[in-house]
PDB file of N, CA and C in Angstrom:
ATOM      1  N   MET A   1      39.784  25.007  16.990  1.00  0.00           N
ATOM      2  CA  MET A   1      38.136  24.436  16.883  1.00  0.00           C
ATOM      3  C   MET A   1      36.971  24.963  17.039  1.00  0.00           C
ATOM      4  N   GLU A   2      36.009  24.310  16.047  1.00  0.00           N
ATOM      5  CA  GLU A   2      34.791  24.965  16.108  1.00  0.00           C
ATOM      6  C   GLU A   2      34.182  24.629  17.516  1.00  0.00           C
ATOM      7  N   GLU A   3      32.775  25.232  18.142  1.00  0.00           N
ATOM      8  CA  GLU A   3      32.244  24.564  19.435  1.00  0.00           C
ATOM      9  C   GLU A   3      31.240  24.515  18.973  1.00  0.00           C
ATOM     10  N   SER A   4      30.875  22.967  19.254  1.00  0.00           N
ATOM     11  CA  SER A   4      29.406  22.239  19.027  1.00  0.00           C
ATOM     12  C   SER A   4      27.877  23.148  19.465  1.00  0.00           C
ATOM     13  N   ARG A   5      27.156  23.557  18.700  1.00  0.00           N
ATOM     14  CA  ARG A   5      25.959  24.167  19.188  1.00  0.00           C
ATOM     15  C   ARG A   5      25.058  22.728  19.372  1.00  0.00           C
ATOM     16  N   GLU A   6      24.386  23.246  20.462  1.00  0.00           N
ATOM     17  CA  GLU A   6      23.310  22.507  20.950  1.00  0.00           C
ATOM     18  C   GLU A   6      21.503  23.049  20.582  1.00  0.00           C
ATOM     19  N   CYS A   7      20.991  22.426  19.785  1.00  0.00           N
ATOM     20  CA  CYS A   7      19.714  22.630  19.485  1.00  0.00           C
ATOM     21  C   CYS A   7      18.590  22.687  20.870  1.00  0.00           C
ATOM     22  N   LYS A   8      17.648  23.718  20.648  1.00  0.00           N
ATOM     23  CA  LYS A   8      17.176  23.417  21.971  1.00  0.00           C
ATOM     24  C   LYS A   8      15.204  23.389  21.491  1.00  0.00           C
ATOM     25  N   VAL A   9      14.943  23.403  20.469  1.00  0.00           N
ATOM     26  CA  VAL A   9      14.018  22.789  20.028  1.00  0.00           C
ATOM     27  C   VAL A   9      13.937  21.755  19.107  1.00  0.00           C
ATOM     28  N   PRO A  10      12.886  20.975  19.443  1.00  0.00           N
ATOM     29  CA  PRO A  10      12.969  19.557  18.251  1.00  0.00           C
ATOM     30  C   PRO A  10      13.107  19.810  16.633  1.00  0.00           C
ATOM     31  N   ALA A  11      13.585  18.991  16.267  1.00  0.00           N
ATOM     32  CA  ALA A  11      13.235  19.158  14.515  1.00  0.00           C
ATOM     33  C   ALA A  11      11.694  18.817  13.788  1.00  0.00           C
ATOM     34  N   ALA A  12      11.684  19.466  13.053  1.00  0.00           N
ATOM     35  CA  ALA A  12      10.738  19.486  12.325  1.00  0.00           C
ATOM     36  C   ALA A  12      10.602  18.850  10.472  1.00  0.00           C
ATOM     37  N   ILE A  13       9.905  17.995  10.561  1.00  0.00           N
ATOM     38  CA  ILE A  13      10.169  17.584   8.880  1.00  0.00           C
ATOM     39  C   ILE A  13       8.540  17.634   8.082  1.00  0.00           C
ATOM     40  N   LEU A  14       8.974  18.446   6.992  1.00  0.00           N
ATOM     41  CA  LEU A  14       8.049  18.780   6.457  1.00  0.00           C
ATOM     42  C   LEU A  14       7.914  17.581   4.752  1.00  0.00           C
ATOM     43  N   ALA A  15       7.363  16.671   4.848  1.00  0.00           N
ATOM     44  CA  ALA A  15       7.041  15.739   3.798  1.00  0.00           C
ATOM     45  C   ALA A  15       5.593  15.906   2.795  1.00  0.00           C
ATOM     46  N   ILE A  16       5.773  15.906   1.492  1.00  0.00           N
ATOM     47  CA  ILE A  16       4.448  16.175   0.729  1.00  0.00           C
ATOM     48  C   ILE A  16       4.247  14.771  -0.191  1.00  0.00           C
ATOM     49  N   GLY A  17       3.035  14.354  -0.034  1.00  0.00           N
ATOM     50  CA  GLY A  17       3.710  12.942  -1.037  1.00  0.00           C
ATOM     51  C   GLY A  17       2.090  12.335  -0.992  1.00  0.00           C
ATOM     52  N   THR A  18       2.086  11.546  -1.628  1.00  0.00           N
ATOM     53  CA  THR A  18       0.156  11.012  -1.200  1.00  0.00           C
ATOM     54  C   THR A  18       0.651   9.463  -0.335  1.00  0.00           C
ATOM     55  N   ALA A  19      -0.901   9.521   0.239  1.00  0.00           N
ATOM     56  CA  ALA A  19      -0.790   8.278   1.350  1.00  0.00           C
ATOM     57  C   ALA A  19      -1.219   6.792   0.318  1.00  0.00           C
ATOM     58  N   ASN A  20      -2.015   7.369  -0.335  1.00  0.00           N
ATOM     59  CA  ASN A  20      -2.140   6.150  -1.473  1.00  0.00           C
ATOM     60  C   ASN A  20      -1.207   5.754  -2.846  1.00  0.00           C
ATOM     61  N   PRO A  21      -0.335   4.816  -2.756  1.00  0.00           N
ATOM     62  CA  PRO A  21       0.271   5.217  -4.509  1.00  0.00           C
ATOM     63  C   PRO A  21      -1.001   4.232  -5.174  1.00  0.00           C
ATOM     64  N   SER A  22      -0.613   4.709  -6.669  1.00  0.00           N
ATOM     65  CA  SER A  22      -1.696   4.528  -7.411  1.00  0.00           C
ATOM     66  C   SER A  22      -1.478   3.114  -7.782  1.00  0.00           C
ATOM     67  N   ASN A  23      -0.579   2.536  -7.293  1.00  0.00           N
ATOM     68  CA  ASN A  23      -0.240   1.035  -7.935  1.00  0.00           C
ATOM     69  C   ASN A  23      -1.078   0.133  -6.038  1.00  0.00           C
ATOM     70  N   CYS A  24      -1.528   0.622  -5.764  1.00  0.00           N
ATOM     71  CA  CYS A  24      -1.771  -0.023  -4.442  1.00  0.00           C
ATOM     72  C   CYS A  24      -3.716  -0.532  -4.893  1.00  0.00           C
ATOM     73  N   VAL A  25      -3.405  -2.068  -4.439  1.00  0.00           N
ATOM     74  CA  VAL A  25      -5.308  -2.457  -4.883  1.00  0.00           C
ATOM     75  C   VAL A  25      -5.880  -2.537  -3.392  1.00  0.00           C
ATOM     76  N   ASN A  26      -7.251  -1.947  -3.750  1.00  0.00           N
ATOM     77  CA  ASN A  26      -7.937  -2.191  -2.558  1.00  0.00           C
ATOM     78  C   ASN A  26      -8.539  -3.458  -1.859  1.00  0.00           C
ATOM     79  N   GLN A  27      -8.301  -3.920  -0.753  1.00  0.00           N
ATOM     80  CA  GLN A  27      -8.510  -5.091  -0.561  1.00  0.00           C
ATOM     81  C   GLN A  27      -9.764  -5.907  -0.617  1.00  0.00           C
ATOM     82  N   ASP A  28     -11.050  -4.626  -0.847  1.00  0.00           N
ATOM     83  CA  ASP A  28     -11.962  -5.270  -0.998  1.00  0.00           C
ATOM     84  C   ASP A  28     -12.177  -5.372  -2.842  1.00  0.00           C
ATOM     85  N   ASN A  29     -11.013  -4.936  -3.472  1.00  0.00           N
ATOM     86  CA  ASN A  29     -10.888  -5.179  -5.153  1.00  0.00           C
ATOM     87  C   ASN A  29     -10.271  -6.235  -5.068  1.00  0.00           C
ATOM     88  N   TYR A  30      -9.204  -6.861  -4.218  1.00  0.00           N
ATOM     89  CA  TYR A  30      -8.139  -7.746  -4.421  1.00  0.00           C
ATOM     90  C   TYR A  30      -8.001  -8.769  -5.016  1.00  0.00           C
ATOM     91  N   PRO A  31      -9.383  -9.921  -4.592  1.00  0.00           N
ATOM     92  CA  PRO A  31      -9.674 -11.129  -5.433  1.00  0.00           C
ATOM     93  C   PRO A  31      -9.764 -10.574  -6.746  1.00  0.00           C
ATOM     94  N   ASN A  32     -10.959 -10.118  -7.268  1.00  0.00           N
ATOM     95  CA  ASN A  32     -11.019  -9.933  -8.907  1.00  0.00           C
ATOM     96  C   ASN A  32     -10.025  -9.133  -9.419  1.00  0.00           C
ATOM     97  N   PHE A  33      -8.932  -8.476  -8.630  1.00  0.00           N
ATOM     98  CA  PHE A  33      -7.661  -8.014  -9.079  1.00  0.00           C
ATOM     99  C   PHE A  33      -6.748  -8.906  -9.792  1.00  0.00           C
ATOM    100  N   LEU A  34      -6.767 -10.072  -8.766  1.00  0.00           N
ATOM    101  CA  LEU A  34      -5.567 -11.341  -8.690  1.00  0.00           C
ATOM    102  C   LEU A  34      -6.482 -12.398  -9.857  1.00  0.00           C
ATOM    103  N   PHE A  35      -7.507 -12.555  -9.688  1.00  0.00           N
ATOM    104  CA  PHE A  35      -8.015 -13.395 -10.709  1.00  0.00           C
ATOM    105  C   PHE A  35      -8.099 -12.629 -12.503  1.00  0.00           C
ATOM    106  N   TYR A  36      -7.853 -11.553 -12.194  1.00  0.00           N
ATOM    107  CA  TYR A  36      -7.684 -10.977 -13.876  1.00  0.00           C
ATOM    108  C   TYR A  36      -6.224 -10.657 -14.286  1.00  0.00           C
ATOM    109  N   VAL A  37      -5.206 -10.456 -13.210  1.00  0.00           N
ATOM    110  CA  VAL A  37      -3.848 -10.818 -13.288  1.00  0.00           C
ATOM    111  C   VAL A  37      -3.333 -11.988 -13.574  1.00  0.00           C
ATOM    112  N   THR A  38      -4.380 -13.042 -13.355  1.00  0.00           N
ATOM    113  CA  THR A  38      -3.435 -14.551 -13.332  1.00  0.00           C
ATOM    114  C   THR A  38      -4.483 -14.933 -14.204  1.00  0.00           C
ATOM    115  N   ASN A  39      -5.148 -14.196 -14.902  1.00  0.00           N
ATOM    116  CA  ASN A  39      -6.094 -14.763 -16.522  1.00  0.00           C
ATOM    117  C   ASN A  39      -6.416 -16.179 -15.833  1.00  0.00           C
ATOM    118  N   THR A  40      -7.215 -16.168 -14.552  1.00  0.00           N
ATOM    119  CA  THR A  40      -7.977 -16.837 -14.122  1.00  0.00           C
ATOM    120  C   THR A  40      -9.522 -17.121 -13.865  1.00  0.00           C
ATOM    121  N   GLN A  41      -9.743 -15.863 -14.369  1.00  0.00           N
ATOM    122  CA  GLN A  41     -11.196 -16.015 -14.165  1.00  0.00           C
ATOM    123  C   GLN A  41     -12.162 -17.130 -14.358  1.00  0.00           C
ATOM    124  N   HIS A  42     -11.775 -18.120 -15.029  1.00  0.00           N
ATOM    125  CA  HIS A  42     -12.754 -18.965 -15.499  1.00  0.00           C
ATOM    126  C   HIS A  42     -12.598 -19.681 -14.158  1.00  0.00           C
ATOM    127  N   LEU A  43     -11.675 -19.850 -13.422  1.00  0.00           N
ATOM    128  CA  LEU A  43     -12.016 -20.538 -12.520  1.00  0.00           C
ATOM    129  C   LEU A  43     -12.991 -20.263 -11.407  1.00  0.00           C
ATOM    130  N   THR A  44     -14.808 -20.329 -11.369  1.00  0.00           N
ATOM    131  CA  THR A  44     -15.654 -19.656 -10.369  1.00  0.00           C
ATOM    132  C   THR A  44     -15.423 -20.102  -9.161  1.00  0.00           C
ATOM    133  N   ASN A  45     -15.311 -21.465  -8.914  1.00  0.00           N
ATOM    134  CA  ASN A  45     -14.975 -22.294  -7.791  1.00  0.00           C
ATOM    135  C   ASN A  45     -14.236 -21.647  -6.866  1.00  0.00           C
ATOM    136  N   VAL A  46     -13.089 -21.649  -7.396  1.00  0.00           N
ATOM    137  CA  VAL A  46     -11.973 -21.257  -6.593  1.00  0.00           C
ATOM    138  C   VAL A  46     -12.103 -19.884  -6.415  1.00  0.00           C
ATOM    139  N   LYS A  47     -12.707 -18.883  -7.139  1.00  0.00           N
ATOM    140  CA  LYS A  47     -12.656 -17.541  -6.896  1.00  0.00           C
ATOM    141  C   LYS A  47     -14.041 -17.434  -5.497  1.00  0.00           C
ATOM    142  N   GLU A  48     -15.092 -18.333  -5.749  1.00  0.00           N
ATOM    143  CA  GLU A  48     -16.392 -17.984  -4.275  1.00  0.00           C
ATOM    144  C   GLU A  48     -15.556 -18.665  -3.167  1.00  0.00           C
ATOM    145  N   LYS A  49     -14.869 -19.530  -3.522  1.00  0.00           N
ATOM    146  CA  LYS A  49     -14.181 -19.831  -1.927  1.00  0.00           C
ATOM    147  C   LYS A  49     -12.513 -18.775  -1.606  1.00  0.00           C
ATOM    148  N   PHE A  50     -12.423 -18.158  -2.168  1.00  0.00           N
ATOM    149  CA  PHE A  50     -11.278 -16.670  -2.140  1.00  0.00           C
ATOM    150  C   PHE A  50     -12.234 -15.903  -1.210  1.00  0.00           C
ATOM    151  N   PHE A  51     -13.485 -15.468  -2.041  1.00  0.00           N
ATOM    152  CA  PHE A  51     -14.361 -14.622  -1.768  1.00  0.00           C
ATOM    153  C   PHE A  51     -14.489 -14.902  -0.176  1.00  0.00           C
ATOM    154  N   ALA A  52     -15.041 -16.008   0.136  1.00  0.00           N
ATOM    155  CA  ALA A  52     -15.547 -16.584   1.933  1.00  0.00           C
ATOM    156  C   ALA A  52     -14.603 -15.994   2.609  1.00  0.00           C
ATOM    157  N   PHE A  53     -13.283 -15.874   2.360  1.00  0.00           N
ATOM    158  CA  PHE A  53     -12.204 -15.684   3.171  1.00  0.00           C
ATOM    159  C   PHE A  53     -12.870 -14.098   3.724  1.00  0.00           C
TER     160      PHE A  53
END
């Protein structure tokens, strides 16, 4: 049987990627995005209430 070896230093992980995926919507632009996607841009009174939050 082989003897197990003990590691003396912590492991390091290198990750390469993007922090913000392309399908994320900025929170400031979310109300406009939501009303555009749901095709409810004509509901201006609801949109104003949504922006008030």
